[in-house]
Amino acid sequence: MAESWSFVVQPHSSIPTMNFPGSNPVEENHIKRRAKRRLESPLPPGQRRAANQRERKRMRGINEAFISLKHRIPLLDSEINLSKAKTLKLTITYINFLKELINRQILQDSVSQDVNQNIK
């Protein structure tokens, strides 16, 4: 039977511990139970609702920006549903492609200008 090893960072600690099969299952269960507990907000309910509303508005704005960005990336298949990460990667690739086009055009214009000056 293959053994499974993992590294775990304990809550409130930046030092990872190494877990392997048979290593203190009581502690592992404690960590799992502790993670399931609901954290109480330090804000009163009215402020918490307002903060949640601001966060939803912020996320809506980010999602709208991603939708807008997706429409500006030229794709062969417009039916592809892109993740945010894939959208950003394709955007970076597209921007680099456009920069290369501009650099080539500048170089070509420079060479053409030099040739025209040498002809005169």
PDB file of N, CA and C in Angstrom:
ATOM      1  N   MET A   1       0.841  -1.188   0.000  1.00  0.00           N
ATOM      2  CA  MET A   1       0.000   0.000   0.000  1.00  0.00           C
ATOM      3  C   MET A   1       0.883   1.248   0.000  1.00  0.00           C
ATOM      4  N   ALA A   2       0.588   2.176  -0.871  1.00  0.00           N
ATOM      5  CA  ALA A   2       1.388   3.403  -0.984  1.00  0.00           C
ATOM      6  C   ALA A   2       1.060   4.339   0.165  1.00  0.00           C
ATOM      7  N   GLU A   3       2.087   4.947   0.720  1.00  0.00           N
ATOM      8  CA  GLU A   3       1.888   5.885   1.814  1.00  0.00           C
ATOM      9  C   GLU A   3       1.674   7.279   1.246  1.00  0.00           C
ATOM     10  N   SER A   4       0.863   8.063   1.914  1.00  0.00           N
ATOM     11  CA  SER A   4       0.565   9.419   1.480  1.00  0.00           C
ATOM     12  C   SER A   4       1.199  10.397   2.465  1.00  0.00           C
ATOM     13  N   TRP A   5       2.074  11.253   1.972  1.00  0.00           N
ATOM     14  CA  TRP A   5       2.745  12.255   2.789  1.00  0.00           C
ATOM     15  C   TRP A   5       2.189  13.610   2.430  1.00  0.00           C
ATOM     16  N   SER A   6       2.094  14.487   3.399  1.00  0.00           N
ATOM     17  CA  SER A   6       1.632  15.842   3.106  1.00  0.00           C
ATOM     18  C   SER A   6       2.266  16.817   4.081  1.00  0.00           C
ATOM     19  N   PHE A   7       2.324  18.065   3.662  1.00  0.00           N
ATOM     20  CA  PHE A   7       2.796  19.141   4.519  1.00  0.00           C
ATOM     21  C   PHE A   7       1.597  19.999   4.876  1.00  0.00           C
ATOM     22  N   VAL A   8       1.472  20.316   6.152  1.00  0.00           N
ATOM     23  CA  VAL A   8       0.315  21.078   6.629  1.00  0.00           C
ATOM     24  C   VAL A   8       0.825  22.267   7.418  1.00  0.00           C
ATOM     25  N   VAL A   9       0.252  23.423   7.156  1.00  0.00           N
ATOM     26  CA  VAL A   9       0.560  24.606   7.954  1.00  0.00           C
ATOM     27  C   VAL A   9      -0.540  24.724   9.001  1.00  0.00           C
ATOM     28  N   GLN A  10      -0.157  24.662  10.252  1.00  0.00           N
ATOM     29  CA  GLN A  10      -1.108  24.736  11.355  1.00  0.00           C
ATOM     30  C   GLN A  10      -1.687  26.148  11.425  1.00  0.00           C
ATOM     31  N   PRO A  11      -2.967  26.267  11.832  1.00  0.00           N
ATOM     32  CA  PRO A  11      -3.536  27.614  12.001  1.00  0.00           C
ATOM     33  C   PRO A  11      -2.706  28.427  12.990  1.00  0.00           C
ATOM     34  N   HIS A  12      -2.546  29.685  12.734  1.00  0.00           N
ATOM     35  CA  HIS A  12      -1.789  30.627  13.565  1.00  0.00           C
ATOM     36  C   HIS A  12      -0.306  30.263  13.621  1.00  0.00           C
ATOM     37  N   SER A  13       0.193  29.580  12.589  1.00  0.00           N
ATOM     38  CA  SER A  13       1.603  29.217  12.551  1.00  0.00           C
ATOM     39  C   SER A  13       2.055  29.234  11.110  1.00  0.00           C
ATOM     40  N   SER A  14       3.265  29.673  10.881  1.00  0.00           N
ATOM     41  CA  SER A  14       3.793  29.666   9.527  1.00  0.00           C
ATOM     42  C   SER A  14       4.756  28.510   9.323  1.00  0.00           C
ATOM     43  N   ILE A  15       4.896  27.650  10.321  1.00  0.00           N
ATOM     44  CA  ILE A  15       5.824  26.528  10.235  1.00  0.00           C
ATOM     45  C   ILE A  15       5.056  25.290   9.804  1.00  0.00           C
ATOM     46  N   PRO A  16       5.395  24.721   8.630  1.00  0.00           N
ATOM     47  CA  PRO A  16       4.684  23.526   8.185  1.00  0.00           C
ATOM     48  C   PRO A  16       5.108  22.303   9.000  1.00  0.00           C
ATOM     49  N   THR A  17       4.175  21.395   9.184  1.00  0.00           N
ATOM     50  CA  THR A  17       4.485  20.127   9.829  1.00  0.00           C
ATOM     51  C   THR A  17       4.274  19.021   8.815  1.00  0.00           C
ATOM     52  N   MET A  18       4.982  17.924   8.997  1.00  0.00           N
ATOM     53  CA  MET A  18       4.878  16.834   8.054  1.00  0.00           C
ATOM     54  C   MET A  18       3.935  15.785   8.612  1.00  0.00           C
ATOM     55  N   ASN A  19       2.918  15.431   7.831  1.00  0.00           N
ATOM     56  CA  ASN A  19       1.986  14.388   8.207  1.00  0.00           C
ATOM     57  C   ASN A  19       2.190  13.191   7.307  1.00  0.00           C
ATOM     58  N   PHE A  20       2.107  12.035   7.856  1.00  0.00           N
ATOM     59  CA  PHE A  20       2.165  10.814   7.085  1.00  0.00           C
ATOM     60  C   PHE A  20       1.198   9.833   7.718  1.00  0.00           C
ATOM     61  N   PRO A  21       0.847   8.771   7.013  1.00  0.00           N
ATOM     62  CA  PRO A  21      -0.154   7.844   7.535  1.00  0.00           C
ATOM     63  C   PRO A  21       0.176   7.388   8.949  1.00  0.00           C
ATOM     64  N   GLY A  22      -0.829   7.453   9.823  1.00  0.00           N
ATOM     65  CA  GLY A  22      -0.650   7.009  11.194  1.00  0.00           C
ATOM     66  C   GLY A  22      -0.062   8.060  12.103  1.00  0.00           C
ATOM     67  N   SER A  23       0.080   9.292  11.640  1.00  0.00           N
ATOM     68  CA  SER A  23       0.691  10.331  12.472  1.00  0.00           C
ATOM     69  C   SER A  23      -0.381  11.158  13.152  1.00  0.00           C
ATOM     70  N   ASN A  24      -0.678  10.843  14.355  1.00  0.00           N
ATOM     71  CA  ASN A  24      -1.563  11.599  15.224  1.00  0.00           C
ATOM     72  C   ASN A  24      -2.908  11.958  14.569  1.00  0.00           C
ATOM     73  N   PRO A  25      -3.790  10.987  14.380  1.00  0.00           N
ATOM     74  CA  PRO A  25      -5.101  11.266  13.771  1.00  0.00           C
ATOM     75  C   PRO A  25      -5.974  12.168  14.625  1.00  0.00           C
ATOM     76  N   VAL A  26      -5.743  12.208  15.934  1.00  0.00           N
ATOM     77  CA  VAL A  26      -6.529  13.084  16.806  1.00  0.00           C
ATOM     78  C   VAL A  26      -6.289  14.533  16.422  1.00  0.00           C
ATOM     79  N   GLU A  27      -5.031  14.886  16.187  1.00  0.00           N
ATOM     80  CA  GLU A  27      -4.690  16.261  15.805  1.00  0.00           C
ATOM     81  C   GLU A  27      -5.288  16.606  14.450  1.00  0.00           C
ATOM     82  N   GLU A  28      -5.261  15.678  13.503  1.00  0.00           N
ATOM     83  CA  GLU A  28      -5.826  15.921  12.177  1.00  0.00           C
ATOM     84  C   GLU A  28      -7.327  16.170  12.271  1.00  0.00           C
ATOM     85  N   ASN A  29      -8.038  15.382  13.094  1.00  0.00           N
ATOM     86  CA  ASN A  29      -9.478  15.581  13.265  1.00  0.00           C
ATOM     87  C   ASN A  29      -9.768  16.917  13.925  1.00  0.00           C
ATOM     88  N   HIS A  30      -8.919  17.317  14.879  1.00  0.00           N
ATOM     89  CA  HIS A  30      -9.094  18.608  15.543  1.00  0.00           C
ATOM     90  C   HIS A  30      -8.987  19.747  14.538  1.00  0.00           C
ATOM     91  N   ILE A  31      -8.022  19.640  13.636  1.00  0.00           N
ATOM     92  CA  ILE A  31      -7.832  20.679  12.619  1.00  0.00           C
ATOM     93  C   ILE A  31      -9.048  20.731  11.707  1.00  0.00           C
ATOM     94  N   LYS A  32      -9.549  19.570  11.306  1.00  0.00           N
ATOM     95  CA  LYS A  32     -10.712  19.545  10.426  1.00  0.00           C
ATOM     96  C   LYS A  32     -11.931  20.140  11.125  1.00  0.00           C
ATOM     97  N   ARG A  33     -12.164  19.767  12.385  1.00  0.00           N
ATOM     98  CA  ARG A  33     -13.304  20.309  13.117  1.00  0.00           C
ATOM     99  C   ARG A  33     -13.157  21.811  13.301  1.00  0.00           C
ATOM    100  N   ARG A  34     -11.954  22.240  13.593  1.00  0.00           N
ATOM    101  CA  ARG A  34     -11.706  23.655  13.831  1.00  0.00           C
ATOM    102  C   ARG A  34     -11.975  24.472  12.573  1.00  0.00           C
ATOM    103  N   ALA A  35     -11.640  23.924  11.414  1.00  0.00           N
ATOM    104  CA  ALA A  35     -11.838  24.640  10.160  1.00  0.00           C
ATOM    105  C   ALA A  35     -13.324  24.790   9.841  1.00  0.00           C
ATOM    106  N   LYS A  36     -14.159  23.885  10.348  1.00  0.00           N
ATOM    107  CA  LYS A  36     -15.581  23.926  10.039  1.00  0.00           C
ATOM    108  C   LYS A  36     -16.330  24.966  10.868  1.00  0.00           C
ATOM    109  N   ARG A  37     -15.739  25.405  11.963  1.00  0.00           N
ATOM    110  CA  ARG A  37     -16.414  26.389  12.803  1.00  0.00           C
ATOM    111  C   ARG A  37     -16.637  27.685  12.037  1.00  0.00           C
ATOM    112  N   ARG A  38     -17.760  28.296  12.278  1.00  0.00           N
ATOM    113  CA  ARG A  38     -18.065  29.565  11.618  1.00  0.00           C
ATOM    114  C   ARG A  38     -17.442  30.698  12.414  1.00  0.00           C
ATOM    115  N   LEU A  39     -16.724  31.544  11.714  1.00  0.00           N
ATOM    116  CA  LEU A  39     -16.116  32.693  12.367  1.00  0.00           C
ATOM    117  C   LEU A  39     -17.167  33.779  12.588  1.00  0.00           C
ATOM    118  N   GLU A  40     -17.163  34.334  13.746  1.00  0.00           N
ATOM    119  CA  GLU A  40     -18.094  35.421  14.061  1.00  0.00           C
ATOM    120  C   GLU A  40     -17.509  36.736  13.564  1.00  0.00           C
ATOM    121  N   SER A  41     -18.335  37.546  12.955  1.00  0.00           N
ATOM    122  CA  SER A  41     -17.903  38.836  12.442  1.00  0.00           C
ATOM    123  C   SER A  41     -17.763  39.826  13.593  1.00  0.00           C
ATOM    124  N   PRO A  42     -16.696  40.617  13.596  1.00  0.00           N
ATOM    125  CA  PRO A  42     -16.553  41.631  14.638  1.00  0.00           C
ATOM    126  C   PRO A  42     -17.482  42.828  14.416  1.00  0.00           C
ATOM    127  N   LEU A  43     -18.136  42.859  13.246  1.00  0.00           N
ATOM    128  CA  LEU A  43     -19.025  43.986  12.925  1.00  0.00           C
ATOM    129  C   LEU A  43     -20.456  43.689  13.349  1.00  0.00           C
ATOM    130  N   PRO A  44     -21.203  44.714  13.719  1.00  0.00           N
ATOM    131  CA  PRO A  44     -22.642  44.533  13.985  1.00  0.00           C
ATOM    132  C   PRO A  44     -23.345  44.085  12.695  1.00  0.00           C
ATOM    133  N   PRO A  45     -24.496  43.423  12.809  1.00  0.00           N
ATOM    134  CA  PRO A  45     -25.185  42.887  11.620  1.00  0.00           C
ATOM    135  C   PRO A  45     -25.438  43.910  10.522  1.00  0.00           C
ATOM    136  N   GLY A  46     -25.817  45.137  10.865  1.00  0.00           N
ATOM    137  CA  GLY A  46     -26.077  46.157   9.842  1.00  0.00           C
ATOM    138  C   GLY A  46     -24.826  46.510   9.061  1.00  0.00           C
ATOM    139  N   GLN A  47     -23.720  46.655   9.767  1.00  0.00           N
ATOM    140  CA  GLN A  47     -22.449  46.960   9.087  1.00  0.00           C
ATOM    141  C   GLN A  47     -21.989  45.769   8.259  1.00  0.00           C
ATOM    142  N   ARG A  48     -22.229  44.557   8.745  1.00  0.00           N
ATOM    143  CA  ARG A  48     -21.838  43.346   8.005  1.00  0.00           C
ATOM    144  C   ARG A  48     -22.608  43.281   6.699  1.00  0.00           C
ATOM    145  N   ARG A  49     -23.920  43.573   6.748  1.00  0.00           N
ATOM    146  CA  ARG A  49     -24.731  43.574   5.517  1.00  0.00           C
ATOM    147  C   ARG A  49     -24.221  44.629   4.538  1.00  0.00           C
ATOM    148  N   ALA A  50     -23.893  45.801   5.052  1.00  0.00           N
ATOM    149  CA  ALA A  50     -23.374  46.867   4.188  1.00  0.00           C
ATOM    150  C   ALA A  50     -22.041  46.461   3.573  1.00  0.00           C
ATOM    151  N   ALA A  51     -21.180  45.837   4.362  1.00  0.00           N
ATOM    152  CA  ALA A  51     -19.886  45.381   3.845  1.00  0.00           C
ATOM    153  C   ALA A  51     -20.091  44.303   2.790  1.00  0.00           C
ATOM    154  N   ASN A  52     -21.046  43.387   3.030  1.00  0.00           N
ATOM    155  CA  ASN A  52     -21.342  42.340   2.041  1.00  0.00           C
ATOM    156  C   ASN A  52     -21.859  42.952   0.746  1.00  0.00           C
ATOM    157  N   GLN A  53     -22.694  43.979   0.880  1.00  0.00           N
ATOM    158  CA  GLN A  53     -23.232  44.645  -0.305  1.00  0.00           C
ATOM    159  C   GLN A  53     -22.113  45.330  -1.099  1.00  0.00           C
ATOM    160  N   ARG A  54     -21.198  45.995  -0.397  1.00  0.00           N
ATOM    161  CA  ARG A  54     -20.057  46.626  -1.081  1.00  0.00           C
ATOM    162  C   ARG A  54     -19.195  45.575  -1.780  1.00  0.00           C
ATOM    163  N   GLU A  55     -18.991  44.448  -1.126  1.00  0.00           N
ATOM    164  CA  GLU A  55     -18.182  43.388  -1.726  1.00  0.00           C
ATOM    165  C   GLU A  55     -18.861  42.806  -2.965  1.00  0.00           C
ATOM    166  N   ARG A  56     -20.184  42.605  -2.898  1.00  0.00           N
ATOM    167  CA  ARG A  56     -20.910  42.117  -4.072  1.00  0.00           C
ATOM    168  C   ARG A  56     -20.815  43.116  -5.222  1.00  0.00           C
ATOM    169  N   LYS A  57     -20.912  44.408  -4.917  1.00  0.00           N
ATOM    170  CA  LYS A  57     -20.801  45.447  -5.940  1.00  0.00           C
ATOM    171  C   LYS A  57     -19.402  45.441  -6.556  1.00  0.00           C
ATOM    172  N   ARG A  58     -18.384  45.290  -5.714  1.00  0.00           N
ATOM    173  CA  ARG A  58     -17.000  45.238  -6.197  1.00  0.00           C
ATOM    174  C   ARG A  58     -16.801  44.031  -7.117  1.00  0.00           C
ATOM    175  N   MET A  59     -17.305  42.869  -6.700  1.00  0.00           N
ATOM    176  CA  MET A  59     -17.157  41.659  -7.507  1.00  0.00           C
ATOM    177  C   MET A  59     -17.946  41.765  -8.813  1.00  0.00           C
ATOM    178  N   ARG A  60     -19.111  42.402  -8.768  1.00  0.00           N
ATOM    179  CA  ARG A  60     -19.897  42.605  -9.984  1.00  0.00           C
ATOM    180  C   ARG A  60     -19.099  43.445 -10.981  1.00  0.00           C
ATOM    181  N   GLY A  61     -18.443  44.499 -10.474  1.00  0.00           N
ATOM    182  CA  GLY A  61     -17.620  45.341 -11.342  1.00  0.00           C
ATOM    183  C   GLY A  61     -16.458  44.572 -11.949  1.00  0.00           C
ATOM    184  N   ILE A  62     -15.812  43.727 -11.153  1.00  0.00           N
ATOM    185  CA  ILE A  62     -14.704  42.907 -11.663  1.00  0.00           C
ATOM    186  C   ILE A  62     -15.215  41.942 -12.724  1.00  0.00           C
ATOM    187  N   ASN A  63     -16.344  41.288 -12.453  1.00  0.00           N
ATOM    188  CA  ASN A  63     -16.895  40.338 -13.427  1.00  0.00           C
ATOM    189  C   ASN A  63     -17.290  41.028 -14.730  1.00  0.00           C
ATOM    190  N   GLU A  64     -17.866  42.226 -14.629  1.00  0.00           N
ATOM    191  CA  GLU A  64     -18.210  42.983 -15.842  1.00  0.00           C
ATOM    192  C   GLU A  64     -16.959  43.352 -16.628  1.00  0.00           C
ATOM    193  N   ALA A  65     -15.886  43.694 -15.925  1.00  0.00           N
ATOM    194  CA  ALA A  65     -14.629  44.024 -16.598  1.00  0.00           C
ATOM    195  C   ALA A  65     -14.067  42.800 -17.323  1.00  0.00           C
ATOM    196  N   PHE A  66     -14.170  41.629 -16.713  1.00  0.00           N
ATOM    197  CA  PHE A  66     -13.699  40.409 -17.369  1.00  0.00           C
ATOM    198  C   PHE A  66     -14.535  40.088 -18.603  1.00  0.00           C
ATOM    199  N   ILE A  67     -15.839  40.287 -18.507  1.00  0.00           N
ATOM    200  CA  ILE A  67     -16.703  40.051 -19.670  1.00  0.00           C
ATOM    201  C   ILE A  67     -16.306  40.989 -20.802  1.00  0.00           C
ATOM    202  N   SER A  68     -16.080  42.248 -20.473  1.00  0.00           N
ATOM    203  CA  SER A  68     -15.664  43.227 -21.476  1.00  0.00           C
ATOM    204  C   SER A  68     -14.321  42.835 -22.098  1.00  0.00           C
ATOM    205  N   LEU A  69     -13.401  42.387 -21.250  1.00  0.00           N
ATOM    206  CA  LEU A  69     -12.083  41.966 -21.730  1.00  0.00           C
ATOM    207  C   LEU A  69     -12.193  40.754 -22.649  1.00  0.00           C
ATOM    208  N   LYS A  70     -13.054  39.797 -22.297  1.00  0.00           N
ATOM    209  CA  LYS A  70     -13.241  38.595 -23.122  1.00  0.00           C
ATOM    210  C   LYS A  70     -13.726  38.956 -24.519  1.00  0.00           C
ATOM    211  N   HIS A  71     -14.554  40.000 -24.625  1.00  0.00           N
ATOM    212  CA  HIS A  71     -15.086  40.403 -25.931  1.00  0.00           C
ATOM    213  C   HIS A  71     -14.022  41.093 -26.792  1.00  0.00           C
ATOM    214  N   ARG A  72     -12.949  41.551 -26.181  1.00  0.00           N
ATOM    215  CA  ARG A  72     -11.905  42.253 -26.926  1.00  0.00           C
ATOM    216  C   ARG A  72     -10.773  41.338 -27.378  1.00  0.00           C
ATOM    217  N   ILE A  73     -10.747  40.106 -26.885  1.00  0.00           N
ATOM    218  CA  ILE A  73      -9.712  39.158 -27.285  1.00  0.00           C
ATOM    219  C   ILE A  73     -10.202  38.422 -28.524  1.00  0.00           C
ATOM    220  N   PRO A  74      -9.457  38.496 -29.625  1.00  0.00           N
ATOM    221  CA  PRO A  74      -9.899  37.781 -30.830  1.00  0.00           C
ATOM    222  C   PRO A  74      -9.730  36.270 -30.633  1.00  0.00           C
ATOM    223  N   LEU A  75     -10.822  35.537 -30.791  1.00  0.00           N
ATOM    224  CA  LEU A  75     -10.814  34.081 -30.646  1.00  0.00           C
ATOM    225  C   LEU A  75     -11.349  33.443 -31.925  1.00  0.00           C
ATOM    226  N   LEU A  76     -10.852  32.249 -32.233  1.00  0.00           N
ATOM    227  CA  LEU A  76     -11.383  31.520 -33.380  1.00  0.00           C
ATOM    228  C   LEU A  76     -12.786  31.011 -33.087  1.00  0.00           C
ATOM    229  N   ASP A  77     -13.002  30.549 -31.861  1.00  0.00           N
ATOM    230  CA  ASP A  77     -14.297  30.015 -31.467  1.00  0.00           C
ATOM    231  C   ASP A  77     -14.884  30.893 -30.369  1.00  0.00           C
ATOM    232  N   SER A  78     -15.893  31.673 -30.707  1.00  0.00           N
ATOM    233  CA  SER A  78     -16.470  32.598 -29.733  1.00  0.00           C
ATOM    234  C   SER A  78     -17.339  31.882 -28.701  1.00  0.00           C
ATOM    235  N   GLU A  79     -17.575  30.583 -28.899  1.00  0.00           N
ATOM    236  CA  GLU A  79     -18.400  29.817 -27.967  1.00  0.00           C
ATOM    237  C   GLU A  79     -17.589  29.302 -26.773  1.00  0.00           C
ATOM    238  N   ILE A  80     -16.267  29.487 -26.778  1.00  0.00           N
ATOM    239  CA  ILE A  80     -15.422  29.007 -25.692  1.00  0.00           C
ATOM    240  C   ILE A  80     -15.701  29.817 -24.436  1.00  0.00           C
ATOM    241  N   ASN A  81     -15.930  29.118 -23.322  1.00  0.00           N
ATOM    242  CA  ASN A  81     -16.147  29.784 -22.047  1.00  0.00           C
ATOM    243  C   ASN A  81     -14.804  29.869 -21.324  1.00  0.00           C
ATOM    244  N   LEU A  82     -14.225  31.053 -21.271  1.00  0.00           N
ATOM    245  CA  LEU A  82     -12.896  31.240 -20.687  1.00  0.00           C
ATOM    246  C   LEU A  82     -12.976  31.532 -19.201  1.00  0.00           C
ATOM    247  N   SER A  83     -12.054  30.929 -18.450  1.00  0.00           N
ATOM    248  CA  SER A  83     -11.927  31.268 -17.036  1.00  0.00           C
ATOM    249  C   SER A  83     -11.234  32.625 -16.931  1.00  0.00           C
ATOM    250  N   LYS A  84     -11.244  33.197 -15.739  1.00  0.00           N
ATOM    251  CA  LYS A  84     -10.582  34.484 -15.541  1.00  0.00           C
ATOM    252  C   LYS A  84      -9.085  34.357 -15.764  1.00  0.00           C
ATOM    253  N   ALA A  85      -8.504  33.268 -15.275  1.00  0.00           N
ATOM    254  CA  ALA A  85      -7.064  33.064 -15.451  1.00  0.00           C
ATOM    255  C   ALA A  85      -6.719  32.924 -16.931  1.00  0.00           C
ATOM    256  N   LYS A  86      -7.506  32.130 -17.670  1.00  0.00           N
ATOM    257  CA  LYS A  86      -7.255  31.944 -19.101  1.00  0.00           C
ATOM    258  C   LYS A  86      -7.462  33.263 -19.852  1.00  0.00           C
ATOM    259  N   THR A  87      -8.452  34.038 -19.447  1.00  0.00           N
ATOM    260  CA  THR A  87      -8.691  35.344 -20.071  1.00  0.00           C
ATOM    261  C   THR A  87      -7.470  36.240 -19.903  1.00  0.00           C
ATOM    262  N   LEU A  88      -6.913  36.284 -18.688  1.00  0.00           N
ATOM    263  CA  LEU A  88      -5.732  37.116 -18.444  1.00  0.00           C
ATOM    264  C   LEU A  88      -4.528  36.624 -19.243  1.00  0.00           C
ATOM    265  N   LYS A  89      -4.336  35.313 -19.312  1.00  0.00           N
ATOM    266  CA  LYS A  89      -3.205  34.766 -20.078  1.00  0.00           C
ATOM    267  C   LYS A  89      -3.340  35.087 -21.555  1.00  0.00           C
ATOM    268  N   LEU A  90      -4.546  34.912 -22.104  1.00  0.00           N
ATOM    269  CA  LEU A  90      -4.753  35.240 -23.518  1.00  0.00           C
ATOM    270  C   LEU A  90      -4.591  36.739 -23.770  1.00  0.00           C
ATOM    271  N   THR A  91      -5.021  37.555 -22.827  1.00  0.00           N
ATOM    272  CA  THR A  91      -4.863  39.008 -22.960  1.00  0.00           C
ATOM    273  C   THR A  91      -3.393  39.389 -23.000  1.00  0.00           C
ATOM    274  N   ILE A  92      -2.601  38.797 -22.128  1.00  0.00           N
ATOM    275  CA  ILE A  92      -1.156  39.068 -22.117  1.00  0.00           C
ATOM    276  C   ILE A  92      -0.533  38.646 -23.437  1.00  0.00           C
ATOM    277  N   THR A  93      -0.914  37.472 -23.935  1.00  0.00           N
ATOM    278  CA  THR A  93      -0.394  36.992 -25.217  1.00  0.00           C
ATOM    279  C   THR A  93      -0.780  37.942 -26.345  1.00  0.00           C
ATOM    280  N   TYR A  94      -2.025  38.393 -26.335  1.00  0.00           N
ATOM    281  CA  TYR A  94      -2.502  39.300 -27.373  1.00  0.00           C
ATOM    282  C   TYR A  94      -1.787  40.652 -27.313  1.00  0.00           C
ATOM    283  N   ILE A  95      -1.583  41.174 -26.116  1.00  0.00           N
ATOM    284  CA  ILE A  95      -0.862  42.444 -25.952  1.00  0.00           C
ATOM    285  C   ILE A  95       0.570  42.313 -26.458  1.00  0.00           C
ATOM    286  N   ASN A  96       1.231  41.199 -26.120  1.00  0.00           N
ATOM    287  CA  ASN A  96       2.600  40.981 -26.605  1.00  0.00           C
ATOM    288  C   ASN A  96       2.638  40.867 -28.124  1.00  0.00           C
ATOM    289  N   PHE A  97       1.632  40.221 -28.712  1.00  0.00           N
ATOM    290  CA  PHE A  97       1.532  40.122 -30.164  1.00  0.00           C
ATOM    291  C   PHE A  97       1.398  41.515 -30.791  1.00  0.00           C
ATOM    292  N   LEU A  98       0.535  42.347 -30.213  1.00  0.00           N
ATOM    293  CA  LEU A  98       0.344  43.707 -30.728  1.00  0.00           C
ATOM    294  C   LEU A  98       1.622  44.535 -30.591  1.00  0.00           C
ATOM    295  N   LYS A  99       2.328  44.378 -29.458  1.00  0.00           N
ATOM    296  CA  LYS A  99       3.601  45.086 -29.285  1.00  0.00           C
ATOM    297  C   LYS A  99       4.599  44.665 -30.351  1.00  0.00           C
ATOM    298  N   GLU A 100       4.639  43.374 -30.664  1.00  0.00           N
ATOM    299  CA  GLU A 100       5.554  42.877 -31.696  1.00  0.00           C
ATOM    300  C   GLU A 100       5.188  43.455 -33.066  1.00  0.00           C
ATOM    301  N   LEU A 101       3.895  43.539 -33.342  1.00  0.00           N
ATOM    302  CA  LEU A 101       3.456  44.146 -34.608  1.00  0.00           C
ATOM    303  C   LEU A 101       3.905  45.603 -34.703  1.00  0.00           C
ATOM    304  N   ILE A 102       3.732  46.332 -33.629  1.00  0.00           N
ATOM    305  CA  ILE A 102       4.129  47.740 -33.607  1.00  0.00           C
ATOM    306  C   ILE A 102       5.643  47.861 -33.795  1.00  0.00           C
ATOM    307  N   ASN A 103       6.407  47.042 -33.092  1.00  0.00           N
ATOM    308  CA  ASN A 103       7.864  47.090 -33.221  1.00  0.00           C
ATOM    309  C   ASN A 103       8.309  46.761 -34.637  1.00  0.00           C
ATOM    310  N   ARG A 104       7.657  45.785 -35.257  1.00  0.00           N
ATOM    311  CA  ARG A 104       8.003  45.445 -36.650  1.00  0.00           C
ATOM    312  C   ARG A 104       7.675  46.593 -37.582  1.00  0.00           C
ATOM    313  N   GLN A 105       6.526  47.234 -37.346  1.00  0.00           N
ATOM    314  CA  GLN A 105       6.124  48.360 -38.194  1.00  0.00           C
ATOM    315  C   GLN A 105       7.102  49.526 -38.033  1.00  0.00           C
ATOM    316  N   ILE A 106       7.509  49.794 -36.814  1.00  0.00           N
ATOM    317  CA  ILE A 106       8.472  50.869 -36.559  1.00  0.00           C
ATOM    318  C   ILE A 106       9.785  50.556 -37.253  1.00  0.00           C
ATOM    319  N   LEU A 107      10.226  49.296 -37.136  1.00  0.00           N
ATOM    320  CA  LEU A 107      11.477  48.888 -37.793  1.00  0.00           C
ATOM    321  C   LEU A 107      11.347  49.001 -39.306  1.00  0.00           C
ATOM    322  N   GLN A 108      10.208  48.559 -39.838  1.00  0.00           N
ATOM    323  CA  GLN A 108       9.992  48.621 -41.283  1.00  0.00           C
ATOM    324  C   GLN A 108       9.947  50.074 -41.764  1.00  0.00           C
ATOM    325  N   ASP A 109       9.293  50.941 -41.006  1.00  0.00           N
ATOM    326  CA  ASP A 109       9.238  52.359 -41.362  1.00  0.00           C
ATOM    327  C   ASP A 109      10.632  52.982 -41.326  1.00  0.00           C
ATOM    328  N   SER A 110      11.420  52.582 -40.337  1.00  0.00           N
ATOM    329  CA  SER A 110      12.774  53.107 -40.204  1.00  0.00           C
ATOM    330  C   SER A 110      13.640  52.685 -41.391  1.00  0.00           C
ATOM    331  N   VAL A 111      13.519  51.418 -41.765  1.00  0.00           N
ATOM    332  CA  VAL A 111      14.298  50.915 -42.907  1.00  0.00           C
ATOM    333  C   VAL A 111      13.846  51.614 -44.182  1.00  0.00           C
ATOM    334  N   SER A 112      12.547  51.781 -44.365  1.00  0.00           N
ATOM    335  CA  SER A 112      12.022  52.458 -45.555  1.00  0.00           C
ATOM    336  C   SER A 112      12.513  53.899 -45.614  1.00  0.00           C
ATOM    337  N   GLN A 113      12.549  54.564 -44.484  1.00  0.00           N
ATOM    338  CA  GLN A 113      13.000  55.942 -44.425  1.00  0.00           C
ATOM    339  C   GLN A 113      14.491  56.025 -44.781  1.00  0.00           C
ATOM    340  N   ASP A 114      15.287  55.090 -44.272  1.00  0.00           N
ATOM    341  CA  ASP A 114      16.715  55.066 -44.592  1.00  0.00           C
ATOM    342  C   ASP A 114      16.944  54.828 -46.080  1.00  0.00           C
ATOM    343  N   VAL A 115      16.169  53.927 -46.661  1.00  0.00           N
ATOM    344  CA  VAL A 115      16.303  53.615 -48.096  1.00  0.00           C
ATOM    345  C   VAL A 115      15.923  54.854 -48.896  1.00  0.00           C
ATOM    346  N   ASN A 116      14.849  55.521 -48.518  1.00  0.00           N
ATOM    347  CA  ASN A 116      14.410  56.721 -49.254  1.00  0.00           C
ATOM    348  C   ASN A 116      15.454  57.830 -49.147  1.00  0.00           C
ATOM    349  N   GLN A 117      16.092  57.981 -48.006  1.00  0.00           N
ATOM    350  CA  GLN A 117      17.111  59.018 -47.856  1.00  0.00           C
ATOM    351  C   GLN A 117      18.353  58.689 -48.694  1.00  0.00           C
ATOM    352  N   ASN A 118      18.694  57.404 -48.799  1.00  0.00           N
ATOM    353  CA  ASN A 118      19.851  56.993 -49.585  1.00  0.00           C
ATOM    354  C   ASN A 118      19.590  57.133 -51.079  1.00  0.00           C
ATOM    355  N   ILE A 119      18.346  57.022 -51.488  1.00  0.00           N
ATOM    356  CA  ILE A 119      18.006  57.163 -52.902  1.00  0.00           C
ATOM    357  C   ILE A 119      18.124  58.628 -53.324  1.00  0.00           C
ATOM    358  N   LYS A 120      17.793  59.567 -52.463  1.00  0.00           N
ATOM    359  CA  LYS A 120      17.812  60.986 -52.800  1.00  0.00           C
ATOM    360  C   LYS A 120      19.199  61.410 -52.904  1.00  0.00           C
TER     361      LYS A 120
END
